[in-house]
Amino acid sequence: MSKSIDIKAILSNNKEPKFSGELSQTQLTQALSWYAQNRDNKDATKYAVEYFKKKLKIPAPDALKSQGSTFGFICRIVSLGGVLNASNATWFDETVQKIQKQVPVAKVITDTVVSIQDHIKRKASECIGELEGQIDDLIITEFKSNVSPYATMTGMDVKAAHTKFIIEHFKTRRVEYDNVLTTEDSDIKEGYSNFTKSQLKKLISYCDQVIVDGMKLAGEAIKTRKPRKRKTKSADQLIVKLNYAKDFADLKITSIDPKTIIGATSLWVYNTKTRKLGVYHALDASGLNIKGSTVLNYSESKSVSKTLRKPEVTVHEVLKAGKVALRNVLTDIRAAEKPLTGRINTDTILLRVSK
């Protein structure tokens, strides 16, 4: 087994890591973090090309250019003696095999016609590679780099058909980063220990931006389709099935009119059963919405809750606090932060909203 990679020590002297034996998931994650902060996309492509030429003894196919930087960095790690664990080795071998299939056979001319779907996937893959490169830029520049997913996609002439694959890729990436914030797995936490909670939230925001920009681009591309006119429901219709607690005698508190949630920028809630105080923050300018007993259009990364030790004090602070003081209520509570699910039930008091 290899020795643990001391990322702090490596960063201090800027030396490339050395590998010997099988790498744990944590060690691999730490190594990839070092490469992301000290190398760029060009280096990753160079490492992949060298791996194919020197290790596999075959010419480097054009498909390597569309691979994310992670693949190139793993090629480097393997070339330097690192051994991947079973699951990572399977992924790496399958990826190499897929790329090998794209290596042209010398002097053989084929009449195979590449399907439209293959063209779409290939184009989407190229764009995903560029957008993954922007994540590397954000990490390397300590999130000071000015990146624009929308400009990248339009510059590459991405169409509505491509955005499906791009959006799905970054939804998966978003879940990965979001899981680091909420997981109790010590290995995962250690693997991302070189990122602060603020930095992880910025990576989540970047993924959100790619998803929003992809959806925007898809909408702009479908010019011939007339948008379906939806009947606008009134606030009374939207909240008719909302289940919530009207009041809670123990704390002498009552719920606000649920109609005020529609279009609000934030909603404070208190669960009388679990003693959890939470706040939903709207995802965009259209504000919060309600469907059945679920809050819609809220930011999953910003909407959190904490368990109260003294609810009789903190709940009334929320009710009395001004907008500025309200921002620090949850921050000042010494308790584990948990994501909100969007569900409202009969134990939930609707404390207050902000417009």
Protein backbone atom coordinates (compact mmCIF):
# COMPACT_ATOMS: atom_id res chain seq x y z
CA MET A 1 0.00 0.00 0.00
CA SER A 2 1.18 3.55 -0.71
CA LYS A 3 1.83 6.05 2.02
CA SER A 4 -0.73 8.80 2.58
CA ILE A 5 -0.18 11.79 0.35
CA ASP A 6 0.43 14.90 2.43
CA ILE A 7 -1.22 17.51 0.22
CA LYS A 8 -0.24 20.43 2.48
CA ALA A 9 3.41 19.42 2.28
CA ILE A 10 3.21 18.98 -1.49
CA LEU A 11 1.60 22.39 -1.99
CA SER A 12 4.26 24.03 0.14
CA ASN A 13 7.14 22.88 -2.06
CA ASN A 14 5.15 22.59 -5.31
CA LYS A 15 6.62 19.15 -6.09
CA GLU A 16 4.63 16.63 -8.08
CA PRO A 17 3.41 13.69 -5.94
CA LYS A 18 5.16 10.30 -6.11
CA PHE A 19 3.15 7.09 -6.17
CA SER A 20 3.84 3.51 -5.14
CA GLY A 21 1.21 0.79 -4.86
CA GLU A 22 -2.58 1.01 -4.65
CA LEU A 23 -4.18 4.37 -3.89
CA SER A 24 -7.19 4.67 -1.60
CA GLN A 25 -10.11 6.83 -2.73
CA THR A 26 -8.96 9.56 -0.35
CA GLN A 27 -5.37 9.48 -1.66
CA LEU A 28 -6.58 9.62 -5.28
CA THR A 29 -8.85 12.57 -4.49
CA GLN A 30 -5.97 14.41 -2.79
CA ALA A 31 -3.66 13.74 -5.74
CA LEU A 32 -6.26 15.00 -8.23
CA SER A 33 -6.73 18.12 -6.11
CA TRP A 34 -2.99 18.81 -6.35
CA TYR A 35 -3.01 18.44 -10.15
CA ALA A 36 -6.11 20.65 -10.45
CA GLN A 37 -4.35 23.41 -8.53
CA ASN A 38 -0.92 23.07 -10.15
CA ARG A 39 -1.61 21.92 -13.74
CA ASP A 40 -4.05 22.96 -16.47
CA ASN A 41 -6.09 21.36 -19.31
CA LYS A 42 -3.13 21.41 -21.70
CA ASP A 43 -1.05 19.45 -19.20
CA ALA A 44 -3.90 16.93 -18.75
CA THR A 45 -4.15 16.38 -22.53
CA LYS A 46 -0.37 16.02 -22.74
CA TYR A 47 -0.40 13.36 -20.00
CA ALA A 48 -3.15 11.41 -21.79
CA VAL A 49 -1.28 11.55 -25.12
CA GLU A 50 1.93 10.33 -23.44
CA TYR A 51 0.07 7.46 -21.79
CA PHE A 52 -1.35 6.25 -25.12
CA LYS A 53 1.97 6.58 -26.95
CA LYS A 54 4.35 5.21 -24.31
CA LYS A 55 2.20 2.79 -22.29
CA LEU A 56 -0.24 1.52 -24.91
CA LYS A 57 2.05 2.00 -27.93
CA ILE A 58 -0.75 3.39 -30.09
CA PRO A 59 -1.25 6.84 -31.67
CA ALA A 60 -3.25 9.30 -29.59
CA PRO A 61 -6.80 9.65 -31.00
CA ASP A 62 -8.55 13.02 -31.38
CA ALA A 63 -11.05 11.88 -28.72
CA LEU A 64 -8.45 12.66 -26.04
CA LYS A 65 -9.02 16.39 -26.61
CA SER A 66 -12.61 16.11 -25.45
CA GLN A 67 -11.79 14.19 -22.27
CA GLY A 68 -12.01 16.05 -18.98
CA SER A 69 -8.80 16.97 -17.20
CA THR A 70 -9.44 14.27 -14.57
CA PHE A 71 -8.78 11.51 -17.12
CA GLY A 72 -5.46 13.08 -18.16
CA PHE A 73 -4.34 13.49 -14.55
CA ILE A 74 -5.18 9.84 -13.79
CA CYS A 75 -3.14 8.82 -16.87
CA ARG A 76 -0.23 10.68 -15.27
CA ILE A 77 -0.78 9.04 -11.87
CA VAL A 78 -0.85 5.55 -13.44
CA SER A 79 2.23 6.35 -15.55
CA LEU A 80 4.13 7.35 -12.37
CA GLY A 81 3.37 4.04 -10.65
CA GLY A 82 0.04 4.68 -8.96
CA VAL A 83 -2.33 1.72 -8.82
CA LEU A 84 -6.07 2.43 -8.87
CA ASN A 85 -8.51 0.57 -6.64
CA ALA A 86 -10.98 -1.87 -8.24
CA SER A 87 -13.83 0.57 -8.98
CA ASN A 88 -11.56 3.34 -10.29
CA ALA A 89 -9.53 0.85 -12.36
CA THR A 90 -12.73 -0.45 -13.98
CA TRP A 91 -13.79 3.09 -14.92
CA PHE A 92 -10.32 3.93 -16.25
CA ASP A 93 -10.03 0.73 -18.32
CA GLU A 94 -13.51 1.18 -19.82
CA THR A 95 -12.70 4.80 -20.72
CA VAL A 96 -9.40 3.76 -22.36
CA GLN A 97 -11.18 1.04 -24.34
CA LYS A 98 -13.80 3.48 -25.60
CA ILE A 99 -11.07 5.86 -26.74
CA GLN A 100 -9.07 3.03 -28.34
CA LYS A 101 -12.04 2.17 -30.51
CA GLN A 102 -11.75 5.63 -32.06
CA VAL A 103 -8.16 5.10 -33.20
CA PRO A 104 -8.25 4.84 -37.03
CA VAL A 105 -6.78 1.71 -38.68
CA ALA A 106 -3.96 2.69 -41.04
CA LYS A 107 -4.79 2.83 -44.75
CA VAL A 108 -8.28 1.41 -44.34
CA ILE A 109 -11.07 3.48 -45.81
CA THR A 110 -14.54 2.78 -44.45
CA ASP A 111 -17.91 4.02 -45.58
CA THR A 112 -19.39 3.96 -42.08
CA VAL A 113 -21.69 6.91 -41.59
CA VAL A 114 -21.58 8.43 -38.11
CA SER A 115 -25.12 8.74 -36.79
CA ILE A 116 -26.63 12.09 -35.92
CA GLN A 117 -26.81 10.98 -32.28
CA ASP A 118 -23.08 10.24 -32.28
CA HIS A 119 -22.38 13.70 -33.66
CA ILE A 120 -24.54 15.24 -30.93
CA LYS A 121 -22.83 13.27 -28.14
CA ARG A 122 -19.38 14.08 -29.49
CA LYS A 123 -20.15 17.80 -29.67
CA ALA A 124 -21.66 17.75 -26.18
CA SER A 125 -18.58 15.89 -24.89
CA GLU A 126 -16.28 18.56 -26.33
CA CYS A 127 -18.27 21.30 -24.61
CA ILE A 128 -18.32 19.38 -21.30
CA GLY A 129 -14.52 19.19 -21.52
CA GLU A 130 -14.30 22.97 -21.91
CA LEU A 131 -16.71 23.59 -19.02
CA GLU A 132 -14.80 21.14 -16.80
CA GLY A 133 -11.73 23.20 -17.67
CA GLN A 134 -13.48 26.25 -16.23
CA ILE A 135 -13.87 24.38 -12.92
CA ASP A 136 -10.11 23.80 -12.97
CA ASP A 137 -9.60 27.53 -13.65
CA LEU A 138 -11.79 28.43 -10.67
CA ILE A 139 -9.82 26.12 -8.38
CA ILE A 140 -6.41 27.25 -9.64
CA THR A 141 -7.26 30.97 -9.32
CA GLU A 142 -8.90 30.47 -5.90
CA PHE A 143 -12.30 31.26 -7.45
CA LYS A 144 -11.21 34.66 -8.77
CA SER A 145 -11.41 33.64 -12.43
CA ASN A 146 -14.23 35.25 -14.41
CA VAL A 147 -15.85 32.34 -16.26
CA SER A 148 -19.05 32.25 -18.34
CA PRO A 149 -20.65 28.89 -19.18
CA TYR A 150 -23.15 30.62 -21.46
CA ALA A 151 -20.41 32.37 -23.46
CA THR A 152 -18.51 29.09 -23.77
CA MET A 153 -21.56 27.20 -25.05
CA THR A 154 -22.59 29.88 -27.54
CA GLY A 155 -18.96 30.23 -28.69
CA MET A 156 -18.90 26.50 -29.45
CA ASP A 157 -22.22 26.77 -31.33
CA VAL A 158 -23.98 24.45 -28.89
CA LYS A 159 -27.58 23.64 -29.90
CA ALA A 160 -30.63 22.50 -27.95
CA ALA A 161 -29.87 18.83 -28.72
CA HIS A 162 -26.45 19.12 -27.06
CA THR A 163 -27.66 20.80 -23.87
CA LYS A 164 -29.44 17.63 -22.65
CA PHE A 165 -26.12 15.81 -22.19
CA ILE A 166 -24.37 18.89 -20.78
CA ILE A 167 -27.11 19.51 -18.21
CA GLU A 168 -27.20 15.86 -17.08
CA HIS A 169 -23.42 15.81 -16.64
CA PHE A 170 -23.41 18.90 -14.41
CA LYS A 171 -26.42 17.74 -12.43
CA THR A 172 -24.33 14.69 -11.49
CA ARG A 173 -21.33 16.92 -10.72
CA ARG A 174 -23.55 19.17 -8.55
CA VAL A 175 -24.79 16.18 -6.52
CA GLU A 176 -21.15 15.16 -5.97
CA TYR A 177 -20.21 18.56 -4.47
CA ASP A 178 -23.47 18.87 -2.53
CA ASN A 179 -22.88 15.42 -1.01
CA VAL A 180 -19.56 16.60 0.44
CA LEU A 181 -21.42 19.33 2.38
CA THR A 182 -23.98 16.94 3.88
CA THR A 183 -22.20 13.56 4.15
CA GLU A 184 -21.03 11.99 7.38
CA ASP A 185 -18.51 9.80 5.51
CA SER A 186 -15.06 10.60 6.91
CA ASP A 187 -13.24 9.44 3.75
CA ILE A 188 -15.24 11.78 1.52
CA LYS A 189 -14.74 14.67 3.93
CA GLU A 190 -10.99 14.02 4.08
CA GLY A 191 -10.79 13.80 0.30
CA TYR A 192 -12.22 17.30 -0.03
CA SER A 193 -10.61 18.72 3.13
CA ASN A 194 -8.56 21.16 1.05
CA PHE A 195 -11.81 22.92 0.08
CA THR A 196 -13.68 25.19 2.46
CA LYS A 197 -17.45 25.05 2.74
CA SER A 198 -17.60 28.39 0.94
CA GLN A 199 -15.53 27.05 -1.97
CA LEU A 200 -17.72 23.96 -2.30
CA LYS A 201 -20.79 26.17 -2.42
CA LYS A 202 -19.15 28.20 -5.19
CA LEU A 203 -18.57 25.00 -7.17
CA ILE A 204 -22.23 24.10 -6.65
CA SER A 205 -23.20 27.59 -7.85
CA TYR A 206 -21.07 27.10 -10.97
CA CYS A 207 -22.87 23.81 -11.74
CA ASP A 208 -26.20 25.58 -11.18
CA GLN A 209 -25.10 28.27 -13.64
CA VAL A 210 -24.20 25.68 -16.29
CA ILE A 211 -27.60 24.03 -15.83
CA VAL A 212 -29.48 27.35 -16.01
CA ASP A 213 -27.46 28.54 -19.02
CA GLY A 214 -27.99 25.20 -20.77
CA MET A 215 -31.73 25.42 -20.23
CA LYS A 216 -31.72 29.01 -21.42
CA LEU A 217 -29.80 28.07 -24.56
CA ALA A 218 -32.19 25.19 -25.24
CA GLY A 219 -35.14 27.56 -24.94
CA GLU A 220 -33.58 30.08 -27.30
CA ALA A 221 -32.81 27.38 -29.87
CA ILE A 222 -36.43 26.22 -30.16
CA LYS A 223 -37.71 29.27 -32.00
CA THR A 224 -40.39 27.63 -34.10
CA ARG A 225 -42.28 26.12 -31.19
CA LYS A 226 -44.86 28.41 -29.67
CA PRO A 227 -44.82 28.36 -25.88
CA ARG A 228 -47.81 26.71 -24.28
CA LYS A 229 -49.98 29.18 -22.45
CA ARG A 230 -50.46 28.06 -18.90
CA LYS A 231 -53.30 29.22 -16.76
CA THR A 232 -51.97 31.32 -13.91
CA LYS A 233 -53.16 29.97 -10.58
CA SER A 234 -54.06 32.34 -7.77
CA ALA A 235 -52.27 32.20 -4.42
CA ASP A 236 -55.44 30.69 -2.89
CA GLN A 237 -55.33 27.84 -5.44
CA LEU A 238 -51.61 27.20 -4.91
CA ILE A 239 -51.84 26.79 -1.12
CA VAL A 240 -55.14 24.92 -0.94
CA LYS A 241 -53.44 21.55 -0.26
CA LEU A 242 -50.67 22.91 1.98
CA ASN A 243 -50.51 21.07 5.33
CA TYR A 244 -48.95 23.11 8.14
CA ALA A 245 -49.37 23.86 11.85
CA LYS A 246 -51.71 26.78 12.47
CA ASP A 247 -50.21 27.48 15.92
CA PHE A 248 -48.03 26.09 18.71
CA ALA A 249 -49.22 26.83 22.23
CA ASP A 250 -45.95 25.89 23.98
CA LEU A 251 -44.12 28.82 22.37
CA LYS A 252 -47.23 30.98 21.85
CA ILE A 253 -46.60 31.29 18.12
CA THR A 254 -48.89 31.14 15.09
CA SER A 255 -48.26 30.63 11.39
CA ILE A 256 -48.39 33.49 8.92
CA ASP A 257 -50.85 33.54 6.02
CA PRO A 258 -49.38 30.89 3.62
CA LYS A 259 -50.41 32.99 0.61
CA THR A 260 -47.55 35.37 1.46
CA ILE A 261 -45.04 32.61 0.60
CA ILE A 262 -45.83 32.95 -3.13
CA GLY A 263 -43.13 35.16 -4.66
CA ALA A 264 -41.26 35.63 -1.36
CA THR A 265 -37.44 35.75 -1.35
CA SER A 266 -37.22 33.73 1.89
CA LEU A 267 -39.39 31.68 4.25
CA TRP A 268 -38.56 30.84 7.89
CA VAL A 269 -40.04 27.63 9.31
CA TYR A 270 -39.97 25.87 12.67
CA ASN A 271 -40.69 22.15 13.18
CA THR A 272 -42.37 21.74 16.58
CA LYS A 273 -41.55 18.01 16.70
CA THR A 274 -37.84 18.06 15.82
CA ARG A 275 -37.12 21.61 17.14
CA LYS A 276 -35.46 22.48 13.81
CA LEU A 277 -35.37 26.08 12.65
CA GLY A 278 -34.89 26.52 8.91
CA VAL A 279 -34.95 29.11 6.15
CA TYR A 280 -35.76 28.66 2.46
CA HIS A 281 -34.04 31.09 0.08
CA ALA A 282 -35.53 31.61 -3.39
CA LEU A 283 -33.50 30.28 -6.31
CA ASP A 284 -34.14 33.33 -8.50
CA ALA A 285 -36.06 36.62 -8.76
CA SER A 286 -39.41 34.89 -9.34
CA GLY A 287 -39.42 33.90 -5.66
CA LEU A 288 -40.71 30.87 -3.79
CA ASN A 289 -43.72 28.85 -4.89
CA ILE A 290 -45.93 26.10 -3.50
CA LYS A 291 -47.22 22.86 -5.00
CA GLY A 292 -49.26 20.66 -2.71
CA SER A 293 -47.27 20.63 0.55
CA THR A 294 -43.90 21.29 -1.08
CA VAL A 295 -41.90 24.50 -1.37
CA LEU A 296 -40.66 25.06 -4.92
CA ASN A 297 -37.96 27.19 -6.56
CA TYR A 298 -35.63 27.32 -3.56
CA SER A 299 -31.83 27.12 -3.50
CA GLU A 300 -30.84 23.67 -2.25
CA SER A 301 -27.35 24.82 -1.23
CA LYS A 302 -28.51 27.91 0.71
CA SER A 303 -31.70 26.56 2.31
CA VAL A 304 -30.70 24.89 5.58
CA SER A 305 -31.91 24.13 9.10
CA LYS A 306 -30.42 23.68 12.60
CA THR A 307 -31.73 22.06 15.78
CA LEU A 308 -32.45 24.58 18.56
CA ARG A 309 -31.41 24.11 22.18
CA LYS A 310 -33.54 27.02 23.36
CA PRO A 311 -36.39 27.36 20.87
CA GLU A 312 -38.33 29.65 23.23
CA VAL A 313 -35.54 32.22 22.78
CA THR A 314 -34.37 31.75 19.20
CA VAL A 315 -37.81 31.48 17.57
CA HIS A 316 -38.87 34.82 19.03
CA GLU A 317 -35.56 36.35 17.87
CA VAL A 318 -36.50 35.36 14.32
CA LEU A 319 -39.93 36.96 14.70
CA LYS A 320 -38.52 40.24 16.07
CA ALA A 321 -35.24 40.59 14.12
CA GLY A 322 -34.76 43.14 11.37
CA LYS A 323 -33.55 42.10 7.92
CA VAL A 324 -29.86 42.65 8.76
CA ALA A 325 -29.97 40.83 12.12
CA LEU A 326 -31.98 38.02 10.55
CA ARG A 327 -29.03 37.07 8.34
CA ASN A 328 -26.96 36.01 11.35
CA VAL A 329 -29.58 34.07 13.33
CA LEU A 330 -28.71 30.63 11.91
CA THR A 331 -24.99 31.42 11.68
CA ASP A 332 -24.84 32.13 15.43
CA ILE A 333 -26.50 28.84 16.36
CA ARG A 334 -23.93 26.20 17.38
CA ALA A 335 -25.44 23.12 15.76
CA ALA A 336 -24.99 20.92 12.70
CA GLU A 337 -26.35 22.41 9.49
CA LYS A 338 -28.80 20.21 7.55
CA PRO A 339 -30.34 20.76 4.09
CA LEU A 340 -34.08 21.36 3.86
CA THR A 341 -36.23 18.99 1.79
CA GLY A 342 -38.97 21.37 0.69
CA ARG A 343 -41.68 19.38 2.49
CA ILE A 344 -44.08 21.16 4.83
CA ASN A 345 -46.17 19.10 7.28
CA THR A 346 -48.57 19.51 10.19
CA ASP A 347 -45.63 19.97 12.61
CA THR A 348 -44.35 22.99 10.67
CA ILE A 349 -44.98 26.55 11.80
CA LEU A 350 -44.62 29.18 9.03
CA LEU A 351 -42.79 31.86 10.99
CA ARG A 352 -42.17 34.73 8.57
CA VAL A 353 -41.33 35.64 4.98
CA SER A 354 -39.25 38.31 3.30
CA LYS A 355 -40.28 39.88 0.02
